Amino acid sequence: MYQFLRALCLAAVFALPAVAQQANIRFGGLQQDSSLPVEVTSDSLSVDQGSGAAVFTGNVMAKQGDMRLTAENIRVEYTSDGDGIDRLIATGNVTLVSPTDAAEASEAVYTIASGTVVMTGDVLLTQGRAAISGQELTVNLQDGTGTMTGGVKTVFQPGEAP
């Protein structure tokens, strides 16, 4: 009986959300080769000749390898020499998806050269049956690691690694 109660208590503790200010996360599914081409589709496109930026609007999806970034709007900023993409700024119902992981936020900035994505605003990351939420998620796509900060809350199933 004691063993059963102990197991039940442990299961209840691990089933409750864990609250922290920062969580380091492994993103095997979000690891990505940032040198691959980026393909963007949308309902419309406008180009600002002055700044050299392109703004995609409506049902926007940017694909790079197995990674998909979707949003209401994505602004593409080019490198100063105009030979490549410097960064993508996604706003409005942003979702970053890989074969095994998915993250949602209000905004995301993907800096191509460093291979980092910074997602902000009510971020929710799901990995299998586990979920982690916070205010900012920084993902290094080159090595598949990340950090969640700002009122971090984790929910995972007993018997799974968080």
N, C-alpha and C. Protein backbone atom coordinates (compact mmCIF):
# COMPACT_ATOMS: atom_id res chain seq x y z
N MET A 1 0.83 -1.20 0.00
CA MET A 1 0.00 0.00 0.00
C MET A 1 0.87 1.26 0.00
N TYR A 2 1.93 1.27 0.81
CA TYR A 2 2.85 2.41 0.88
C TYR A 2 3.46 2.68 -0.49
N GLN A 3 3.88 1.63 -1.20
CA GLN A 3 4.49 1.79 -2.53
C GLN A 3 3.48 2.43 -3.49
N PHE A 4 2.25 1.98 -3.44
CA PHE A 4 1.21 2.50 -4.31
C PHE A 4 0.97 3.99 -4.04
N LEU A 5 0.85 4.39 -2.76
CA LEU A 5 0.64 5.79 -2.41
C LEU A 5 1.82 6.65 -2.82
N ARG A 6 3.03 6.14 -2.63
CA ARG A 6 4.23 6.88 -3.02
C ARG A 6 4.24 7.09 -4.54
N ALA A 7 3.95 6.05 -5.29
CA ALA A 7 3.91 6.16 -6.75
C ALA A 7 2.82 7.13 -7.19
N LEU A 8 1.67 7.09 -6.54
CA LEU A 8 0.58 7.99 -6.87
C LEU A 8 0.97 9.44 -6.59
N CYS A 9 1.62 9.70 -5.46
CA CYS A 9 2.07 11.05 -5.12
C CYS A 9 3.10 11.57 -6.11
N LEU A 10 4.06 10.71 -6.47
CA LEU A 10 5.08 11.11 -7.44
C LEU A 10 4.45 11.41 -8.80
N ALA A 11 3.51 10.59 -9.21
CA ALA A 11 2.84 10.82 -10.49
C ALA A 11 2.08 12.14 -10.46
N ALA A 12 1.43 12.45 -9.35
CA ALA A 12 0.69 13.70 -9.24
C ALA A 12 1.63 14.90 -9.28
N VAL A 13 2.76 14.82 -8.61
CA VAL A 13 3.72 15.92 -8.61
C VAL A 13 4.26 16.15 -10.01
N PHE A 14 4.63 15.08 -10.71
CA PHE A 14 5.21 15.24 -12.04
C PHE A 14 4.17 15.60 -13.09
N ALA A 15 2.91 15.36 -12.83
CA ALA A 15 1.88 15.73 -13.78
C ALA A 15 1.50 17.19 -13.67
N LEU A 16 1.85 17.86 -12.55
CA LEU A 16 1.54 19.27 -12.37
C LEU A 16 2.52 20.13 -13.14
N PRO A 17 2.11 21.32 -13.55
CA PRO A 17 3.01 22.22 -14.24
C PRO A 17 4.17 22.63 -13.33
N ALA A 18 5.34 22.74 -13.92
CA ALA A 18 6.50 23.23 -13.21
C ALA A 18 6.74 24.66 -13.66
N VAL A 19 6.92 25.59 -12.72
CA VAL A 19 7.09 26.98 -13.05
C VAL A 19 8.52 27.39 -12.78
N ALA A 20 9.14 28.09 -13.74
CA ALA A 20 10.51 28.55 -13.61
C ALA A 20 10.67 29.83 -14.41
N GLN A 21 11.81 30.50 -14.29
CA GLN A 21 12.07 31.70 -15.06
C GLN A 21 12.82 31.40 -16.35
N GLN A 22 13.56 30.28 -16.40
CA GLN A 22 14.32 29.93 -17.59
C GLN A 22 14.40 28.42 -17.72
N ALA A 23 14.32 27.95 -18.96
CA ALA A 23 14.46 26.52 -19.21
C ALA A 23 15.35 26.33 -20.43
N ASN A 24 16.36 25.48 -20.29
CA ASN A 24 17.19 25.10 -21.43
C ASN A 24 16.57 23.88 -22.07
N ILE A 25 16.49 23.89 -23.39
CA ILE A 25 15.72 22.90 -24.11
C ILE A 25 16.55 22.31 -25.24
N ARG A 26 16.34 21.04 -25.50
CA ARG A 26 16.99 20.37 -26.63
C ARG A 26 15.99 20.33 -27.79
N PHE A 27 16.39 20.78 -28.96
CA PHE A 27 15.53 20.85 -30.12
C PHE A 27 16.07 20.00 -31.24
N GLY A 28 16.09 18.71 -31.07
CA GLY A 28 16.57 17.84 -32.14
C GLY A 28 15.76 17.99 -33.41
N GLY A 29 14.45 18.17 -33.28
CA GLY A 29 13.60 18.30 -34.45
C GLY A 29 13.68 19.66 -35.11
N LEU A 30 14.15 20.69 -34.39
CA LEU A 30 14.26 22.01 -34.97
C LEU A 30 15.68 22.32 -35.43
N GLN A 31 16.55 21.34 -35.41
CA GLN A 31 17.89 21.54 -35.93
C GLN A 31 17.79 21.70 -37.44
N GLN A 32 18.47 22.68 -38.01
CA GLN A 32 18.28 23.02 -39.41
C GLN A 32 19.56 23.56 -40.01
N ASP A 33 19.82 23.24 -41.25
CA ASP A 33 20.94 23.79 -42.00
C ASP A 33 20.52 25.15 -42.54
N SER A 34 21.03 26.24 -41.94
CA SER A 34 20.59 27.58 -42.32
C SER A 34 21.17 28.05 -43.66
N SER A 35 22.00 27.21 -44.30
CA SER A 35 22.53 27.58 -45.62
C SER A 35 21.62 27.11 -46.76
N LEU A 36 20.59 26.33 -46.44
CA LEU A 36 19.65 25.87 -47.46
C LEU A 36 18.83 27.05 -47.99
N PRO A 37 18.32 26.95 -49.22
CA PRO A 37 17.49 28.04 -49.76
C PRO A 37 16.21 28.22 -48.97
N VAL A 38 15.69 29.45 -48.95
CA VAL A 38 14.44 29.79 -48.29
C VAL A 38 13.40 30.07 -49.36
N GLU A 39 12.26 29.36 -49.32
CA GLU A 39 11.17 29.57 -50.26
C GLU A 39 10.00 30.18 -49.51
N VAL A 40 9.46 31.30 -50.02
CA VAL A 40 8.36 31.99 -49.36
C VAL A 40 7.17 32.05 -50.30
N THR A 41 5.98 31.69 -49.78
CA THR A 41 4.73 31.81 -50.54
C THR A 41 3.76 32.66 -49.72
N SER A 42 2.87 33.39 -50.41
CA SER A 42 1.90 34.24 -49.72
C SER A 42 0.80 34.66 -50.69
N ASP A 43 -0.20 35.38 -50.15
CA ASP A 43 -1.27 35.93 -50.98
C ASP A 43 -0.79 37.16 -51.75
N SER A 44 0.10 37.97 -51.11
CA SER A 44 0.59 39.16 -51.78
C SER A 44 2.01 39.50 -51.35
N LEU A 45 2.66 40.33 -52.16
CA LEU A 45 4.03 40.74 -51.92
C LEU A 45 4.18 42.21 -52.26
N SER A 46 4.83 42.96 -51.37
CA SER A 46 5.18 44.34 -51.68
C SER A 46 6.67 44.51 -51.40
N VAL A 47 7.33 45.31 -52.24
CA VAL A 47 8.77 45.52 -52.11
C VAL A 47 9.03 46.99 -51.87
N ASP A 48 9.85 47.28 -50.86
CA ASP A 48 10.26 48.64 -50.54
C ASP A 48 11.64 48.85 -51.15
N GLN A 49 11.70 49.56 -52.28
CA GLN A 49 12.97 49.77 -52.96
C GLN A 49 13.95 50.55 -52.10
N GLY A 50 13.45 51.46 -51.26
CA GLY A 50 14.31 52.27 -50.41
C GLY A 50 15.08 51.45 -49.40
N SER A 51 14.37 50.54 -48.72
CA SER A 51 15.03 49.72 -47.69
C SER A 51 15.50 48.39 -48.24
N GLY A 52 15.00 48.02 -49.41
CA GLY A 52 15.37 46.74 -49.98
C GLY A 52 14.71 45.57 -49.29
N ALA A 53 13.59 45.82 -48.61
CA ALA A 53 12.88 44.75 -47.90
C ALA A 53 11.66 44.32 -48.70
N ALA A 54 11.29 43.07 -48.53
CA ALA A 54 10.08 42.53 -49.15
C ALA A 54 9.12 42.13 -48.03
N VAL A 55 7.85 42.48 -48.19
CA VAL A 55 6.84 42.14 -47.18
C VAL A 55 5.81 41.22 -47.82
N PHE A 56 5.74 40.00 -47.30
CA PHE A 56 4.77 39.01 -47.74
C PHE A 56 3.59 39.07 -46.79
N THR A 57 2.36 39.08 -47.34
CA THR A 57 1.17 39.23 -46.52
C THR A 57 0.13 38.18 -46.91
N GLY A 58 -0.54 37.63 -45.88
CA GLY A 58 -1.63 36.69 -46.09
C GLY A 58 -1.18 35.27 -46.37
N ASN A 59 -1.50 34.36 -45.45
CA ASN A 59 -1.16 32.94 -45.60
C ASN A 59 0.31 32.74 -45.97
N VAL A 60 1.18 33.39 -45.23
CA VAL A 60 2.60 33.35 -45.55
C VAL A 60 3.24 32.09 -44.98
N MET A 61 4.03 31.42 -45.83
CA MET A 61 4.80 30.27 -45.37
C MET A 61 6.21 30.38 -45.96
N ALA A 62 7.19 30.33 -45.04
CA ALA A 62 8.59 30.29 -45.45
C ALA A 62 9.11 28.89 -45.14
N LYS A 63 9.69 28.24 -46.14
CA LYS A 63 10.21 26.88 -45.98
C LYS A 63 11.72 26.89 -46.17
N GLN A 64 12.38 26.12 -45.31
CA GLN A 64 13.82 25.89 -45.45
C GLN A 64 14.09 24.47 -45.00
N GLY A 65 14.42 23.61 -45.93
CA GLY A 65 14.57 22.19 -45.59
C GLY A 65 13.26 21.66 -45.03
N ASP A 66 13.32 21.00 -43.86
CA ASP A 66 12.13 20.45 -43.21
C ASP A 66 11.42 21.46 -42.31
N MET A 67 11.98 22.65 -42.15
CA MET A 67 11.40 23.66 -41.27
C MET A 67 10.39 24.52 -42.02
N ARG A 68 9.26 24.84 -41.34
CA ARG A 68 8.23 25.70 -41.90
C ARG A 68 7.94 26.82 -40.90
N LEU A 69 7.92 28.05 -41.40
CA LEU A 69 7.57 29.21 -40.59
C LEU A 69 6.35 29.84 -41.25
N THR A 70 5.23 29.89 -40.53
CA THR A 70 4.01 30.49 -41.08
C THR A 70 3.61 31.68 -40.21
N ALA A 71 2.95 32.66 -40.85
CA ALA A 71 2.51 33.86 -40.14
C ALA A 71 1.56 34.65 -41.03
N GLU A 72 0.94 35.66 -40.44
CA GLU A 72 0.10 36.56 -41.21
C GLU A 72 0.97 37.42 -42.13
N ASN A 73 2.15 37.83 -41.63
CA ASN A 73 3.07 38.67 -42.39
C ASN A 73 4.50 38.23 -42.14
N ILE A 74 5.31 38.24 -43.18
CA ILE A 74 6.75 38.01 -43.02
C ILE A 74 7.49 39.08 -43.81
N ARG A 75 8.34 39.80 -43.11
CA ARG A 75 9.20 40.82 -43.74
C ARG A 75 10.56 40.18 -43.97
N VAL A 76 11.03 40.23 -45.20
CA VAL A 76 12.34 39.68 -45.56
C VAL A 76 13.30 40.85 -45.71
N GLU A 77 14.35 40.86 -44.88
CA GLU A 77 15.37 41.89 -44.97
C GLU A 77 16.62 41.27 -45.56
N TYR A 78 17.17 41.94 -46.56
CA TYR A 78 18.33 41.41 -47.28
C TYR A 78 19.63 41.93 -46.69
N THR A 79 20.71 41.24 -46.98
CA THR A 79 22.04 41.66 -46.52
C THR A 79 22.37 43.00 -47.16
N SER A 80 23.32 43.73 -46.57
CA SER A 80 23.67 45.06 -47.06
C SER A 80 24.17 45.04 -48.50
N ASP A 81 24.81 43.94 -48.92
CA ASP A 81 25.28 43.85 -50.31
C ASP A 81 24.18 43.36 -51.25
N GLY A 82 23.03 42.98 -50.71
CA GLY A 82 21.90 42.54 -51.52
C GLY A 82 22.03 41.15 -52.10
N ASP A 83 23.05 40.41 -51.68
CA ASP A 83 23.28 39.08 -52.24
C ASP A 83 22.57 37.95 -51.50
N GLY A 84 21.96 38.24 -50.37
CA GLY A 84 21.30 37.17 -49.61
C GLY A 84 20.32 37.72 -48.62
N ILE A 85 19.66 36.82 -47.90
CA ILE A 85 18.69 37.21 -46.88
C ILE A 85 19.41 37.36 -45.55
N ASP A 86 19.18 38.50 -44.89
CA ASP A 86 19.74 38.74 -43.57
C ASP A 86 18.85 38.11 -42.50
N ARG A 87 17.55 38.47 -42.54
CA ARG A 87 16.62 37.92 -41.55
C ARG A 87 15.19 37.98 -42.04
N LEU A 88 14.37 37.14 -41.41
CA LEU A 88 12.93 37.10 -41.64
C LEU A 88 12.27 37.55 -40.35
N ILE A 89 11.32 38.47 -40.45
CA ILE A 89 10.57 38.93 -39.28
C ILE A 89 9.12 38.54 -39.50
N ALA A 90 8.63 37.61 -38.72
CA ALA A 90 7.27 37.09 -38.85
C ALA A 90 6.40 37.68 -37.75
N THR A 91 5.19 38.12 -38.12
CA THR A 91 4.26 38.68 -37.14
C THR A 91 2.85 38.14 -37.39
N GLY A 92 2.12 37.98 -36.29
CA GLY A 92 0.73 37.54 -36.37
C GLY A 92 0.57 36.05 -36.51
N ASN A 93 0.14 35.38 -35.43
CA ASN A 93 -0.10 33.93 -35.44
C ASN A 93 1.08 33.16 -36.02
N VAL A 94 2.23 33.36 -35.45
CA VAL A 94 3.46 32.74 -35.95
C VAL A 94 3.56 31.30 -35.47
N THR A 95 3.92 30.41 -36.38
CA THR A 95 4.15 29.01 -36.06
C THR A 95 5.44 28.55 -36.72
N LEU A 96 6.29 27.90 -35.94
CA LEU A 96 7.53 27.30 -36.43
C LEU A 96 7.40 25.80 -36.25
N VAL A 97 7.50 25.05 -37.35
CA VAL A 97 7.26 23.61 -37.31
C VAL A 97 8.42 22.86 -37.93
N SER A 98 8.78 21.76 -37.28
CA SER A 98 9.76 20.81 -37.81
C SER A 98 9.09 19.44 -37.80
N PRO A 99 9.79 18.40 -38.25
CA PRO A 99 9.16 17.08 -38.23
C PRO A 99 8.70 16.60 -36.85
N THR A 100 9.34 17.06 -35.75
CA THR A 100 8.97 16.56 -34.43
C THR A 100 8.55 17.62 -33.43
N ASP A 101 8.80 18.90 -33.70
CA ASP A 101 8.52 19.97 -32.75
C ASP A 101 7.69 21.05 -33.42
N ALA A 102 6.94 21.81 -32.60
CA ALA A 102 6.18 22.95 -33.10
C ALA A 102 6.17 24.04 -32.04
N ALA A 103 6.30 25.29 -32.48
CA ALA A 103 6.26 26.42 -31.55
C ALA A 103 5.35 27.49 -32.12
N GLU A 104 4.58 28.14 -31.23
CA GLU A 104 3.68 29.23 -31.61
C GLU A 104 4.06 30.47 -30.82
N ALA A 105 3.90 31.66 -31.43
CA ALA A 105 4.20 32.92 -30.76
C ALA A 105 3.53 34.06 -31.50
N SER A 106 3.67 35.27 -30.95
CA SER A 106 3.14 36.46 -31.61
C SER A 106 4.09 36.96 -32.69
N GLU A 107 5.40 36.80 -32.44
CA GLU A 107 6.40 37.29 -33.38
C GLU A 107 7.61 36.38 -33.37
N ALA A 108 8.31 36.32 -34.49
CA ALA A 108 9.56 35.56 -34.58
C ALA A 108 10.52 36.30 -35.50
N VAL A 109 11.80 36.30 -35.09
CA VAL A 109 12.85 36.88 -35.92
C VAL A 109 13.87 35.78 -36.17
N TYR A 110 14.05 35.43 -37.44
CA TYR A 110 14.99 34.39 -37.85
C TYR A 110 16.17 35.08 -38.51
N THR A 111 17.33 35.04 -37.85
CA THR A 111 18.55 35.60 -38.39
C THR A 111 19.30 34.47 -39.08
N ILE A 112 19.40 34.57 -40.40
CA ILE A 112 19.92 33.47 -41.22
C ILE A 112 21.38 33.16 -40.90
N ALA A 113 22.25 34.17 -40.85
CA ALA A 113 23.69 33.94 -40.68
C ALA A 113 24.00 33.21 -39.38
N SER A 114 23.33 33.56 -38.30
CA SER A 114 23.60 32.91 -37.02
C SER A 114 22.77 31.65 -36.83
N GLY A 115 21.74 31.47 -37.65
CA GLY A 115 20.87 30.30 -37.50
C GLY A 115 20.05 30.35 -36.24
N THR A 116 19.66 31.56 -35.78
CA THR A 116 18.86 31.67 -34.56
C THR A 116 17.47 32.19 -34.88
N VAL A 117 16.51 31.66 -34.14
CA VAL A 117 15.13 32.14 -34.20
C VAL A 117 14.77 32.60 -32.80
N VAL A 118 14.31 33.84 -32.68
CA VAL A 118 13.84 34.37 -31.40
C VAL A 118 12.34 34.59 -31.53
N MET A 119 11.58 33.81 -30.75
CA MET A 119 10.12 33.91 -30.77
C MET A 119 9.68 34.61 -29.49
N THR A 120 8.76 35.58 -29.61
CA THR A 120 8.30 36.33 -28.45
C THR A 120 6.78 36.43 -28.42
N GLY A 121 6.26 36.64 -27.22
CA GLY A 121 4.83 36.84 -27.03
C GLY A 121 4.05 35.56 -26.89
N ASP A 122 3.79 35.15 -25.65
CA ASP A 122 2.99 33.95 -25.36
C ASP A 122 3.43 32.75 -26.18
N VAL A 123 4.69 32.37 -26.00
CA VAL A 123 5.28 31.27 -26.75
C VAL A 123 4.80 29.94 -26.18
N LEU A 124 4.45 29.02 -27.07
CA LEU A 124 4.07 27.66 -26.69
C LEU A 124 4.86 26.70 -27.58
N LEU A 125 5.65 25.84 -26.94
CA LEU A 125 6.42 24.84 -27.65
C LEU A 125 5.86 23.47 -27.30
N THR A 126 5.60 22.65 -28.30
CA THR A 126 5.18 21.27 -28.05
C THR A 126 6.21 20.34 -28.66
N GLN A 127 6.58 19.34 -27.87
CA GLN A 127 7.49 18.29 -28.29
C GLN A 127 6.86 16.97 -27.87
N GLY A 128 6.24 16.29 -28.84
CA GLY A 128 5.51 15.08 -28.49
C GLY A 128 4.34 15.44 -27.60
N ARG A 129 4.23 14.78 -26.44
CA ARG A 129 3.14 15.07 -25.50
C ARG A 129 3.54 16.12 -24.47
N ALA A 130 4.79 16.62 -24.52
CA ALA A 130 5.25 17.64 -23.58
C ALA A 130 5.00 19.03 -24.15
N ALA A 131 4.77 20.01 -23.27
CA ALA A 131 4.56 21.39 -23.68
C ALA A 131 5.31 22.32 -22.74
N ILE A 132 5.90 23.37 -23.30
CA ILE A 132 6.62 24.37 -22.53
C ILE A 132 6.14 25.73 -23.02
N SER A 133 5.79 26.62 -22.08
CA SER A 133 5.37 27.96 -22.46
C SER A 133 6.20 29.00 -21.73
N GLY A 134 6.25 30.18 -22.29
CA GLY A 134 6.99 31.30 -21.71
C GLY A 134 6.79 32.52 -22.58
N GLN A 135 7.59 33.55 -22.33
CA GLN A 135 7.46 34.79 -23.10
C GLN A 135 8.47 34.93 -24.22
N GLU A 136 9.61 34.21 -24.12
CA GLU A 136 10.60 34.29 -25.19
C GLU A 136 11.31 32.95 -25.34
N LEU A 137 11.41 32.52 -26.58
CA LEU A 137 12.10 31.29 -26.92
C LEU A 137 13.18 31.62 -27.93
N THR A 138 14.43 31.29 -27.60
CA THR A 138 15.55 31.47 -28.52
C THR A 138 16.04 30.09 -28.92
N VAL A 139 16.02 29.83 -30.23
CA VAL A 139 16.42 28.52 -30.75
C VAL A 139 17.65 28.69 -31.63
N ASN A 140 18.67 27.86 -31.39
CA ASN A 140 19.84 27.80 -32.26
C ASN A 140 19.60 26.62 -33.19
N LEU A 141 19.27 26.91 -34.44
CA LEU A 141 18.93 25.86 -35.40
C LEU A 141 20.13 25.03 -35.82
N GLN A 142 21.34 25.57 -35.66
CA GLN A 142 22.52 24.84 -36.08
C GLN A 142 22.88 23.70 -35.15
N ASP A 143 22.67 23.90 -33.84
CA ASP A 143 22.99 22.80 -32.92
C ASP A 143 21.76 22.21 -32.24
N GLY A 144 20.58 22.75 -32.54
CA GLY A 144 19.35 22.17 -32.01
C GLY A 144 19.11 22.42 -30.54
N THR A 145 19.60 23.56 -30.01
CA THR A 145 19.38 23.89 -28.61
C THR A 145 18.53 25.14 -28.50
N GLY A 146 17.96 25.36 -27.32
CA GLY A 146 17.15 26.55 -27.13
C GLY A 146 17.00 26.91 -25.68
N THR A 147 16.50 28.14 -25.45
CA THR A 147 16.25 28.63 -24.11
C THR A 147 14.90 29.33 -24.09
N MET A 148 14.07 28.96 -23.12
CA MET A 148 12.78 29.61 -22.92
C MET A 148 12.91 30.46 -21.66
N THR A 149 12.45 31.72 -21.71
CA THR A 149 12.52 32.61 -20.56
C THR A 149 11.18 33.31 -20.36
N GLY A 150 11.01 33.88 -19.16
CA GLY A 150 9.82 34.67 -18.86
C GLY A 150 8.63 33.86 -18.42
N GLY A 151 8.56 33.54 -17.13
CA GLY A 151 7.41 32.80 -16.61
C GLY A 151 7.24 31.44 -17.24
N VAL A 152 8.31 30.70 -17.29
CA VAL A 152 8.31 29.38 -17.95
C VAL A 152 7.42 28.40 -17.20
N LYS A 153 6.60 27.69 -17.96
CA LYS A 153 5.72 26.66 -17.41
C LYS A 153 5.89 25.42 -18.27
N THR A 154 6.11 24.28 -17.61
CA THR A 154 6.32 23.03 -18.32
C THR A 154 5.29 22.00 -17.90
N VAL A 155 4.71 21.33 -18.88
CA VAL A 155 3.79 20.23 -18.61
C VAL A 155 4.32 19.03 -19.38
N PHE A 156 4.55 17.93 -18.66
CA PHE A 156 5.01 16.71 -19.33
C PHE A 156 4.35 15.52 -18.68
N GLN A 157 4.35 14.43 -19.40
CA GLN A 157 3.73 13.21 -18.92
C GLN A 157 4.71 12.43 -18.05
N PRO A 158 4.25 11.81 -16.97
CA PRO A 158 5.16 11.00 -16.14
C PRO A 158 5.85 9.94 -16.99
N GLY A 159 7.12 9.76 -16.73
CA GLY A 159 7.89 8.76 -17.45
C GLY A 159 8.57 9.32 -18.68
N GLU A 160 8.33 10.60 -19.03
CA GLU A 160 8.96 11.24 -20.17
C GLU A 160 10.01 12.21 -19.67
N ALA A 161 11.07 12.38 -20.42
CA ALA A 161 12.07 13.39 -20.10
C ALA A 161 11.49 14.75 -20.46
N PRO A 162 11.64 15.79 -19.60
CA PRO A 162 11.11 17.11 -19.92
C PRO A 162 11.90 17.78 -21.02
